[in-house]
N, C-alpha and C. Protein backbone atom coordinates (compact mmCIF):
# COMPACT_ATOMS: atom_id res chain seq x y z
N MET A 1 -28.04 4.56 -17.70
CA MET A 1 -26.63 4.88 -17.03
C MET A 1 -27.16 4.93 -15.94
N ARG A 2 -28.15 6.12 -14.76
CA ARG A 2 -28.40 5.47 -14.21
C ARG A 2 -28.30 4.68 -13.24
N LYS A 3 -28.83 3.36 -13.88
CA LYS A 3 -29.45 2.22 -13.35
C LYS A 3 -28.23 1.43 -12.94
N LEU A 4 -27.15 1.50 -14.11
CA LEU A 4 -25.77 0.69 -13.79
C LEU A 4 -25.45 1.13 -12.78
N PHE A 5 -25.21 2.63 -12.98
CA PHE A 5 -24.62 3.34 -11.91
C PHE A 5 -24.74 3.31 -10.43
N LYS A 6 -26.76 2.98 -10.46
CA LYS A 6 -26.98 2.82 -8.65
C LYS A 6 -26.53 1.02 -8.65
N GLY A 7 -26.39 0.86 -9.88
CA GLY A 7 -26.46 -1.47 -9.47
C GLY A 7 -24.95 -0.88 -8.67
N LEU A 8 -24.21 -0.35 -9.09
CA LEU A 8 -22.91 -0.46 -8.45
C LEU A 8 -22.54 0.25 -6.85
N HIS A 9 -23.26 0.87 -7.03
CA HIS A 9 -22.84 1.68 -5.34
C HIS A 9 -23.98 0.87 -4.65
N ASP A 10 -25.12 -0.04 -4.76
CA ASP A 10 -26.06 -0.69 -3.81
C ASP A 10 -25.14 -2.08 -3.61
N PHE A 11 -23.91 -2.88 -4.98
CA PHE A 11 -23.43 -3.48 -4.86
C PHE A 11 -22.24 -3.64 -3.20
N ASN A 12 -21.50 -1.80 -3.85
CA ASN A 12 -20.29 -1.38 -3.06
C ASN A 12 -21.57 -0.97 -1.54
N ALA A 13 -22.52 -0.15 -1.47
CA ALA A 13 -22.97 -0.54 0.02
C ALA A 13 -23.20 -1.61 0.83
N SER A 14 -23.49 -2.59 -0.01
CA SER A 14 -24.00 -3.79 0.63
C SER A 14 -21.89 -4.80 1.04
N LEU A 15 -21.58 -3.92 1.20
CA LEU A 15 -20.26 -4.23 1.19
C LEU A 15 -19.58 -3.78 2.58
N ASP A 16 -20.13 -2.01 2.17
CA ASP A 16 -19.43 -1.28 3.59
C ASP A 16 -20.46 0.13 3.28
N PRO A 17 -21.72 -0.39 3.70
CA PRO A 17 -22.65 0.91 4.01
C PRO A 17 -22.48 2.25 3.71
N ARG A 18 -20.99 2.87 3.88
CA ARG A 18 -20.25 3.72 3.65
C ARG A 18 -20.75 4.57 2.36
N PHE A 19 -20.87 3.78 1.74
CA PHE A 19 -20.25 3.51 0.30
C PHE A 19 -22.23 3.69 -0.39
N SER A 20 -22.91 4.33 0.65
CA SER A 20 -24.33 4.34 -0.33
C SER A 20 -24.41 5.73 -0.39
N LEU A 21 -25.55 5.75 -1.91
CA LEU A 21 -26.14 7.12 -2.34
C LEU A 21 -26.65 7.91 -1.47
N ALA A 22 -26.05 8.97 -1.89
CA ALA A 22 -26.75 10.11 -0.94
C ALA A 22 -28.70 10.48 -1.77
N GLU A 23 -29.52 11.07 -1.02
CA GLU A 23 -30.59 11.20 -1.47
C GLU A 23 -30.75 11.93 -2.86
N ASN A 24 -29.84 12.40 -3.06
CA ASN A 24 -30.22 13.15 -4.94
C ASN A 24 -29.46 12.93 -5.50
N TRP A 25 -28.64 11.68 -5.67
CA TRP A 25 -27.59 11.40 -6.55
C TRP A 25 -27.32 11.57 -8.04
N GLU A 26 -28.92 11.39 -7.93
CA GLU A 26 -28.48 11.42 -9.40
C GLU A 26 -28.64 12.71 -10.23
N GLN A 27 -29.18 14.10 -9.35
CA GLN A 27 -28.78 15.36 -9.38
C GLN A 27 -27.02 15.09 -9.82
N TYR A 28 -26.71 14.89 -8.71
CA TYR A 28 -24.90 15.09 -8.65
C TYR A 28 -24.35 14.11 -10.26
N LEU A 29 -25.52 13.37 -10.39
CA LEU A 29 -24.42 12.66 -11.38
C LEU A 29 -24.89 12.85 -12.56
N ASP A 30 -26.17 13.83 -12.92
CA ASP A 30 -26.37 14.14 -14.65
C ASP A 30 -25.45 15.38 -13.87
N GLU A 31 -24.78 16.02 -13.45
CA GLU A 31 -24.72 17.58 -13.43
C GLU A 31 -23.06 16.92 -13.80
N HIS A 32 -22.44 16.10 -13.07
CA HIS A 32 -21.65 15.49 -12.97
C HIS A 32 -20.74 15.23 -14.76
N LEU A 33 -22.22 14.49 -15.13
CA LEU A 33 -22.11 14.37 -16.75
C LEU A 33 -22.53 15.07 -18.16
N LYS A 34 -22.69 16.21 -17.79
CA LYS A 34 -22.94 17.14 -18.46
C LYS A 34 -21.36 17.79 -18.28
N ARG A 35 -20.56 17.66 -17.55
CA ARG A 35 -19.28 18.70 -17.40
C ARG A 35 -18.27 17.66 -17.67
N GLU A 36 -18.37 16.12 -17.85
CA GLU A 36 -17.25 15.20 -18.08
C GLU A 36 -17.91 14.65 -18.80
N TRP A 37 -18.54 14.60 -19.72
CA TRP A 37 -18.95 13.46 -20.95
C TRP A 37 -18.15 13.90 -21.66
N ASN A 38 -17.38 11.85 -22.02
CA ASN A 38 -15.91 12.35 -23.31
C ASN A 38 -15.71 13.56 -23.38
N GLY A 39 -15.06 14.33 -22.36
CA GLY A 39 -14.72 15.51 -22.42
C GLY A 39 -13.16 15.40 -23.02
N ALA A 40 -12.05 16.09 -22.74
CA ALA A 40 -10.72 15.84 -22.54
C ALA A 40 -10.27 15.22 -21.85
N ARG A 41 -10.50 15.45 -20.69
CA ARG A 41 -10.57 14.60 -19.21
C ARG A 41 -11.01 14.09 -18.99
N SER A 42 -11.91 13.16 -20.19
CA SER A 42 -12.83 12.00 -19.07
C SER A 42 -13.16 10.79 -20.39
N LEU A 43 -13.79 9.99 -20.02
CA LEU A 43 -14.35 9.12 -20.54
C LEU A 43 -15.35 8.26 -20.15
N THR A 44 -16.58 8.29 -21.13
CA THR A 44 -17.72 7.35 -19.95
C THR A 44 -18.53 6.67 -21.41
N LEU A 45 -18.23 5.22 -20.92
CA LEU A 45 -18.62 4.58 -21.65
C LEU A 45 -19.91 3.25 -21.81
N ILE A 46 -20.81 3.27 -21.70
CA ILE A 46 -22.35 2.47 -21.61
C ILE A 46 -21.74 1.22 -23.17
N ALA A 47 -22.03 0.17 -22.18
CA ALA A 47 -22.34 -0.73 -23.68
C ALA A 47 -23.46 -1.46 -23.24
N TRP A 48 -24.35 -1.75 -24.53
CA TRP A 48 -25.69 -2.39 -24.62
C TRP A 48 -25.80 -4.05 -25.59
N GLU A 49 -26.95 -4.57 -24.88
CA GLU A 49 -27.32 -5.63 -24.99
C GLU A 49 -29.19 -4.86 -26.02
N GLY A 50 -28.83 -5.05 -27.32
CA GLY A 50 -30.15 -4.32 -27.75
C GLY A 50 -30.54 -3.06 -27.29
N GLU A 51 -31.48 -2.77 -26.32
CA GLU A 51 -32.38 -2.12 -26.11
C GLU A 51 -31.47 -1.32 -24.07
N ARG A 52 -30.98 -2.79 -23.88
CA ARG A 52 -30.66 -2.58 -22.26
C ARG A 52 -29.56 -2.09 -21.92
N PRO A 53 -29.04 -1.17 -21.72
CA PRO A 53 -27.10 -1.26 -21.28
C PRO A 53 -27.03 -2.11 -20.10
N ILE A 54 -25.58 -2.89 -20.43
CA ILE A 54 -25.70 -3.53 -19.47
C ILE A 54 -24.20 -3.82 -18.94
N GLY A 55 -22.94 -2.50 -19.08
CA GLY A 55 -22.03 -2.32 -19.02
C GLY A 55 -21.86 -0.60 -18.41
N LEU A 56 -20.60 0.29 -17.82
CA LEU A 56 -20.72 1.03 -17.49
C LEU A 56 -19.12 1.53 -17.25
N LEU A 57 -18.69 1.49 -17.89
CA LEU A 57 -17.15 2.16 -17.70
C LEU A 57 -16.58 4.16 -17.40
N MET A 58 -16.53 4.45 -16.06
CA MET A 58 -16.57 5.48 -16.49
C MET A 58 -14.84 5.60 -15.88
N LEU A 59 -13.73 6.66 -16.43
CA LEU A 59 -12.72 7.43 -16.66
C LEU A 59 -12.20 8.88 -16.84
N ALA A 60 -11.40 9.23 -16.09
CA ALA A 60 -10.98 10.65 -15.63
C ALA A 60 -9.62 11.04 -15.79
N GLY A 61 -8.97 11.79 -15.98
CA GLY A 61 -7.78 12.36 -15.45
C GLY A 61 -7.50 12.89 -13.98
N TYR A 62 -6.55 13.02 -13.52
CA TYR A 62 -6.97 13.37 -12.73
C TYR A 62 -5.23 14.31 -12.61
N SER A 63 -5.17 15.45 -11.99
CA SER A 63 -3.25 15.76 -11.59
C SER A 63 -3.16 16.37 -9.89
N ASP A 64 -2.64 15.78 -9.33
CA ASP A 64 -2.21 16.42 -8.00
C ASP A 64 -1.38 17.42 -7.93
N SER A 65 -1.29 18.06 -6.83
CA SER A 65 -0.80 18.88 -6.27
C SER A 65 0.71 18.60 -7.15
N PRO A 66 1.80 19.88 -7.39
CA PRO A 66 2.63 20.18 -7.97
C PRO A 66 3.89 19.78 -7.09
N LEU A 67 4.17 19.38 -5.88
CA LEU A 67 4.52 18.91 -5.27
C LEU A 67 5.34 17.60 -5.70
N PHE A 68 4.41 17.12 -5.59
CA PHE A 68 4.39 15.24 -7.01
C PHE A 68 4.73 15.89 -8.18
N GLN A 69 6.07 14.67 -8.43
CA GLN A 69 6.63 14.37 -9.84
C GLN A 69 5.64 14.09 -10.81
N TYR A 70 5.42 12.56 -10.04
CA TYR A 70 4.76 11.75 -10.57
C TYR A 70 3.24 11.83 -10.34
N ARG A 71 2.10 12.92 -10.83
CA ARG A 71 1.28 13.71 -10.32
C ARG A 71 0.09 13.58 -11.68
N HIS A 72 -0.20 13.14 -12.47
CA HIS A 72 -0.83 12.49 -13.30
C HIS A 72 -1.17 11.59 -13.30
N TRP A 73 -2.54 11.14 -13.71
CA TRP A 73 -3.03 10.02 -13.32
C TRP A 73 -4.61 9.20 -13.80
N ALA A 74 -4.79 8.24 -14.60
CA ALA A 74 -5.50 8.37 -15.38
C ALA A 74 -6.27 7.39 -14.18
N GLU A 75 -8.10 7.48 -13.86
CA GLU A 75 -8.53 6.63 -12.79
C GLU A 75 -10.17 6.22 -12.98
N ILE A 76 -10.28 5.41 -13.04
CA ILE A 76 -11.37 4.25 -13.24
C ILE A 76 -12.03 4.84 -11.95
N LEU A 77 -13.44 5.61 -12.34
CA LEU A 77 -14.32 5.76 -11.54
C LEU A 77 -15.49 5.01 -11.24
N ALA A 78 -15.73 4.47 -12.44
CA ALA A 78 -16.91 2.50 -12.07
C ALA A 78 -16.96 2.54 -13.08
N LEU A 79 -16.88 0.75 -12.84
CA LEU A 79 -16.97 -0.70 -13.61
C LEU A 79 -18.14 -1.42 -13.22
N PHE A 80 -18.92 -1.75 -13.85
CA PHE A 80 -19.70 -1.87 -13.41
C PHE A 80 -20.47 -2.85 -15.13
N ILE A 81 -20.54 -4.37 -14.46
CA ILE A 81 -21.25 -5.10 -15.77
C ILE A 81 -22.46 -5.62 -14.65
N ASP A 82 -23.67 -5.88 -15.08
CA ASP A 82 -25.27 -5.70 -14.76
C ASP A 82 -24.71 -7.38 -14.42
N PRO A 83 -25.23 -7.80 -13.75
CA PRO A 83 -24.46 -9.37 -13.09
C PRO A 83 -25.14 -10.49 -13.85
N GLU A 84 -26.49 -10.37 -14.67
CA GLU A 84 -27.09 -11.05 -15.70
C GLU A 84 -25.72 -11.37 -16.61
N VAL A 85 -24.74 -10.83 -17.01
CA VAL A 85 -23.86 -10.70 -17.94
C VAL A 85 -22.65 -10.61 -17.36
N ARG A 86 -22.41 -10.95 -16.57
CA ARG A 86 -20.70 -11.10 -16.22
C ARG A 86 -20.79 -12.63 -16.23
N GLY A 87 -18.78 -12.29 -16.67
CA GLY A 87 -18.43 -13.89 -17.03
C GLY A 87 -17.99 -14.07 -17.91
N GLY A 88 -18.35 -13.17 -19.30
CA GLY A 88 -18.01 -12.91 -20.52
C GLY A 88 -17.13 -12.00 -20.45
N MET A 89 -16.22 -11.18 -21.69
CA MET A 89 -15.54 -10.50 -21.75
C MET A 89 -15.52 -9.20 -21.68
N LEU A 90 -16.73 -8.77 -21.85
CA LEU A 90 -17.20 -6.62 -21.00
C LEU A 90 -16.12 -6.29 -20.46
N ALA A 91 -15.86 -6.44 -19.45
CA ALA A 91 -15.46 -6.06 -18.68
C ALA A 91 -14.06 -5.31 -18.94
N LEU A 92 -13.31 -7.18 -19.35
CA LEU A 92 -11.78 -6.69 -19.72
C LEU A 92 -11.44 -5.98 -21.15
N ARG A 93 -12.36 -5.63 -22.09
CA ARG A 93 -13.02 -4.70 -22.92
C ARG A 93 -12.80 -3.82 -22.38
N PHE A 94 -13.71 -2.99 -21.68
CA PHE A 94 -14.09 -2.20 -20.90
C PHE A 94 -12.67 -1.79 -20.08
N VAL A 95 -11.61 -2.47 -19.45
CA VAL A 95 -10.06 -2.48 -18.79
C VAL A 95 -9.58 -1.64 -20.46
N ARG A 96 -9.05 -2.42 -21.04
CA ARG A 96 -8.66 -2.16 -22.64
C ARG A 96 -8.92 -0.92 -23.06
N MET A 97 -10.17 -0.81 -22.94
CA MET A 97 -10.48 0.95 -23.47
C MET A 97 -9.91 1.95 -22.61
N ALA A 98 -10.15 1.63 -21.46
CA ALA A 98 -9.28 2.98 -20.66
C ALA A 98 -7.92 2.58 -20.64
N LYS A 99 -7.31 1.84 -20.90
CA LYS A 99 -5.93 1.84 -20.59
C LYS A 99 -6.12 2.71 -22.04
N SER A 100 -6.01 1.88 -23.13
CA SER A 100 -5.78 2.82 -24.95
C SER A 100 -6.19 4.52 -24.71
N TRP A 101 -6.92 5.02 -24.16
CA TRP A 101 -7.65 5.97 -23.98
C TRP A 101 -6.40 7.05 -22.92
N ALA A 102 -6.06 6.12 -22.15
CA ALA A 102 -5.05 7.15 -20.93
C ALA A 102 -3.83 6.84 -21.53
N LYS A 103 -3.12 5.78 -22.32
CA LYS A 103 -2.31 6.23 -22.77
C LYS A 103 -2.29 7.71 -23.73
N ASP A 104 -3.29 7.41 -25.24
CA ASP A 104 -3.79 8.37 -25.74
C ASP A 104 -3.45 10.26 -25.48
N HIS A 105 -3.86 10.39 -24.17
CA HIS A 105 -4.39 10.98 -23.63
C HIS A 105 -3.24 11.64 -22.99
N GLY A 106 -1.80 10.69 -23.10
CA GLY A 106 -0.88 10.90 -21.81
C GLY A 106 -0.48 10.34 -20.76
N TYR A 107 -1.52 9.39 -20.20
CA TYR A 107 -0.75 9.50 -18.90
C TYR A 107 0.09 7.77 -18.56
N ASP A 108 0.38 8.23 -17.92
CA ASP A 108 1.47 6.98 -17.69
C ASP A 108 0.92 5.66 -16.70
N ARG A 109 -0.37 5.71 -16.01
CA ARG A 109 -0.93 4.59 -15.28
C ARG A 109 -2.34 4.85 -15.74
N ILE A 110 -3.28 3.87 -14.72
CA ILE A 110 -4.11 3.97 -14.05
C ILE A 110 -4.57 3.07 -13.27
N GLN A 111 -5.22 3.93 -12.33
CA GLN A 111 -5.24 4.31 -10.77
C GLN A 111 -7.30 3.81 -10.61
N LEU A 112 -7.06 3.00 -9.19
CA LEU A 112 -8.70 2.67 -9.12
C LEU A 112 -8.88 2.36 -7.93
N TYR A 113 -10.09 2.25 -6.94
CA TYR A 113 -10.43 1.90 -6.06
C TYR A 113 -11.18 0.91 -5.78
N VAL A 114 -11.05 -0.04 -4.65
CA VAL A 114 -11.71 -1.85 -4.52
C VAL A 114 -12.19 -1.58 -3.27
N THR A 115 -12.81 -2.27 -3.26
CA THR A 115 -13.32 -2.06 -1.94
C THR A 115 -13.00 -3.12 -1.27
N ALA A 116 -12.79 -2.97 -0.06
CA ALA A 116 -11.56 -4.32 0.96
C ALA A 116 -12.20 -5.85 0.40
N THR A 117 -13.49 -5.65 0.99
CA THR A 117 -14.14 -7.31 0.53
C THR A 117 -14.51 -7.40 -0.26
N ASN A 118 -14.02 -6.60 -1.40
CA ASN A 118 -14.59 -7.30 -2.85
C ASN A 118 -13.78 -8.21 -3.56
N GLU A 119 -13.60 -9.58 -3.09
CA GLU A 119 -12.93 -10.30 -3.89
C GLU A 119 -12.67 -10.60 -5.43
N ARG A 120 -14.08 -10.24 -5.38
CA ARG A 120 -14.21 -10.84 -7.69
C ARG A 120 -13.66 -9.36 -7.35
N ALA A 121 -13.70 -8.39 -7.25
CA ALA A 121 -13.26 -7.67 -7.91
C ALA A 121 -11.83 -7.39 -8.31
N LYS A 122 -11.12 -7.65 -7.13
CA LYS A 122 -9.78 -8.06 -6.55
C LYS A 122 -8.61 -8.98 -7.34
N ARG A 123 -9.61 -9.73 -8.18
CA ARG A 123 -9.46 -10.93 -8.85
C ARG A 123 -9.21 -10.84 -10.20
N PHE A 124 -10.39 -10.16 -10.50
CA PHE A 124 -10.22 -9.10 -12.00
C PHE A 124 -9.57 -8.55 -11.68
N TYR A 125 -8.92 -7.10 -11.80
CA TYR A 125 -8.08 -6.26 -11.78
C TYR A 125 -6.67 -6.83 -11.51
N GLN A 126 -6.54 -8.20 -10.57
CA GLN A 126 -4.71 -8.73 -10.28
C GLN A 126 -4.33 -9.25 -12.05
N LYS A 127 -5.32 -10.40 -12.94
CA LYS A 127 -5.61 -11.54 -13.93
C LYS A 127 -5.64 -9.75 -15.15
N CYS A 128 -5.67 -8.13 -14.30
CA CYS A 128 -5.68 -7.08 -15.39
C CYS A 128 -4.59 -6.15 -15.13
N LYS A 129 -3.05 -6.90 -14.23
CA LYS A 129 -2.06 -6.71 -14.26
C LYS A 129 -2.12 -5.16 -13.13
N PHE A 130 -3.28 -5.00 -12.54
CA PHE A 130 -3.49 -3.86 -11.77
C PHE A 130 -3.00 -4.63 -10.05
N GLU A 131 -2.09 -3.73 -9.40
CA GLU A 131 -1.72 -3.74 -8.63
C GLU A 131 -1.97 -2.81 -7.41
N PRO A 132 -1.84 -3.49 -6.24
CA PRO A 132 -2.15 -2.91 -4.69
C PRO A 132 -0.83 -1.99 -4.32
N VAL A 133 -1.51 -0.96 -4.01
CA VAL A 133 -0.15 0.08 -4.11
C VAL A 133 -0.64 1.37 -2.41
N GLN A 134 -0.96 0.95 -2.59
CA GLN A 134 -2.27 1.59 -1.03
C GLN A 134 -3.18 1.54 -0.25
N GLU A 135 -3.03 1.27 0.80
CA GLU A 135 -4.70 0.74 1.45
C GLU A 135 -5.40 1.75 2.19
N ILE A 136 -6.61 2.29 1.91
CA ILE A 136 -7.17 2.97 3.31
C ILE A 136 -7.96 2.26 4.24
N TRP A 137 -7.53 3.26 5.10
CA TRP A 137 -7.78 2.88 7.02
C TRP A 137 -8.90 3.39 6.87
N ARG A 138 -9.48 3.41 8.17
CA ARG A 138 -10.58 3.66 8.51
C ARG A 138 -10.93 4.19 9.91
N LEU A 139 -10.92 4.73 10.64
CA LEU A 139 -11.35 4.72 12.10
C LEU A 139 -12.76 5.38 12.22
N GLU A 140 -13.74 4.47 12.27
CA GLU A 140 -15.01 5.11 12.99
C GLU A 140 -14.82 5.87 13.73
N LEU A 141 -15.50 6.68 14.57
CA LEU A 141 -15.84 7.73 15.76
C LEU A 141 -16.71 8.08 17.18
N GLY A 142 -17.14 6.76 16.75
CA GLY A 142 -18.52 5.99 17.43
C GLY A 142 -18.20 6.37 19.08
N ASP A 143 -19.28 6.37 19.85
CA ASP A 143 -19.34 6.37 21.86
C ASP A 143 -19.06 5.37 21.82
N GLY A 144 -17.77 5.13 22.51
CA GLY A 144 -17.02 3.70 23.22
C GLY A 144 -15.81 2.84 22.75
N VAL A 145 -16.09 3.61 21.81
CA VAL A 145 -14.47 3.07 20.63
C VAL A 145 -13.10 3.57 21.70
N PRO A 146 -12.83 2.33 21.77
CA PRO A 146 -11.08 3.03 22.40
C PRO A 146 -9.67 3.21 21.84
N ASP A 147 -8.98 4.15 22.20
CA ASP A 147 -8.21 4.99 22.13
C ASP A 147 -7.59 3.71 21.17
N PHE A 148 -7.21 2.50 22.23
CA PHE A 148 -5.64 1.63 21.87
C PHE A 148 -6.48 0.07 21.82
N VAL A 149 -5.99 -0.53 21.27
CA VAL A 149 -6.05 -2.04 22.00
C VAL A 149 -4.98 -2.77 22.45
N PHE A 150 -5.28 -2.79 23.85
CA PHE A 150 -4.66 -3.95 24.51
C PHE A 150 -4.56 -4.93 24.40
N ASP A 151 -3.24 -5.60 24.39
CA ASP A 151 -3.24 -7.28 24.32
C ASP A 151 -2.29 -7.73 25.08
N GLU A 152 -1.69 -9.07 25.08
CA GLU A 152 -1.31 -9.89 26.25
C GLU A 152 0.14 -9.38 25.75
N ASP A 153 0.27 -8.94 24.28
CA ASP A 153 1.64 -9.19 23.28
C ASP A 153 2.37 -7.96 24.39
N ASP A 154 1.47 -6.61 25.05
CA ASP A 154 1.34 -5.27 25.22
C ASP A 154 2.74 -5.80 26.23
N GLY A 155 2.64 -6.27 27.15
CA GLY A 155 3.51 -6.52 27.94
C GLY A 155 3.33 -5.12 29.47
N ASP A 156 4.19 -4.04 29.25
CA ASP A 156 4.27 -3.18 30.24
C ASP A 156 3.18 -2.51 29.82
N TYR A 157 2.58 -2.28 28.79
CA TYR A 157 1.94 -1.11 28.60
C TYR A 157 -0.08 -1.74 28.88
N GLY A 158 -0.75 -0.81 29.10
CA GLY A 158 -2.24 -0.99 29.27
C GLY A 158 -3.04 -0.07 29.62
N PRO A 159 -4.31 -0.26 30.08
CA PRO A 159 -5.26 0.96 29.34
C PRO A 159 -4.73 2.44 30.11
N ASP A 160 -3.84 1.89 31.58
CA ASP A 160 -3.89 3.73 32.57
C ASP A 160 -2.24 4.01 31.96
N ASN A 161 -2.07 3.18 30.95
CA ASN A 161 -0.24 4.13 30.48
C ASN A 161 -0.22 4.54 29.09
N ASP A 162 0.28 5.26 28.71
CA ASP A 162 0.29 5.78 27.01
C ASP A 162 1.36 5.02 26.86
N PRO A 163 0.93 4.77 25.46
CA PRO A 163 1.17 3.02 25.13
C PRO A 163 2.04 3.66 24.10
N LEU A 164 2.81 5.00 23.52
CA LEU A 164 4.01 5.57 23.62
C LEU A 164 4.92 5.68 24.43
N THR A 165 4.66 5.59 25.75
CA THR A 165 5.75 6.14 26.80
C THR A 165 6.17 4.62 27.04
N PRO A 166 7.26 4.49 27.29
CA PRO A 166 7.61 3.39 28.45
C PRO A 166 6.80 3.09 29.88
N LYS A 167 6.84 2.04 30.33
CA LYS A 167 6.29 2.33 31.93
C LYS A 167 7.22 2.02 32.67
N PRO A 168 7.38 3.36 33.71
CA PRO A 168 8.47 4.14 34.26
C PRO A 168 9.37 2.75 35.38
N HIS A 169 10.70 3.09 35.66
CA HIS A 169 11.46 1.59 36.36
C HIS A 169 10.80 1.99 37.74
N ASN A 170 10.48 0.74 38.72
CA ASN A 170 10.41 0.88 40.01
C ASN A 170 12.12 0.68 40.28
N VAL A 171 12.84 1.95 40.22
CA VAL A 171 14.15 1.80 41.17
C VAL A 171 14.13 1.80 42.64
N GLY A 172 15.20 0.00 42.99
CA GLY A 172 15.19 0.14 44.32
C GLY A 172 14.03 -1.09 44.54
N GLU A 173 12.92 -0.89 44.34
CA GLU A 173 11.57 -2.33 44.38
C GLU A 173 12.28 -3.84 43.55
N ASP A 174 10.99 -3.86 44.65
CA ASP A 174 11.11 -5.29 43.35
C ASP A 174 9.82 -5.36 42.91
N ASP A 175 9.96 -5.88 41.32
CA ASP A 175 9.21 -5.76 40.31
C ASP A 175 8.16 -7.16 40.64
């Protein structure tokens, strides 16, 4: 299972280094599995081909703040198929099992995260009738990152002006 989990995150980290696993990720994964392995609020499945693990599905139930009316959902935490056996029906079977588990546990939807540049995964989930409903945007806070990017369409604004405050009028002066 560790091999599959690492394979998933190595692939995601190749798309975005921010998804790299921590040095002691195995310890945290073991702790998670001890706590959550096929409990009332989670499901972990491993598909095998003989002695070799070839697929991983991790699913969990979540509850948001009582502030929200629709606050319970199931979330696919991990779905990974060994690259050597991709293209079959295993991923689809995992999604069907996830749907069944979620319905059986009273959830009305399944959510998941997909790396923005993972086009293959996005196509697969669209075929499974998932729809994008939210985007996560990131701002890296390194040296030299401008507060605002100016272009020709910004007209009266410039690097010395606050982009949310209009340029003052020069009454009586020629513009």
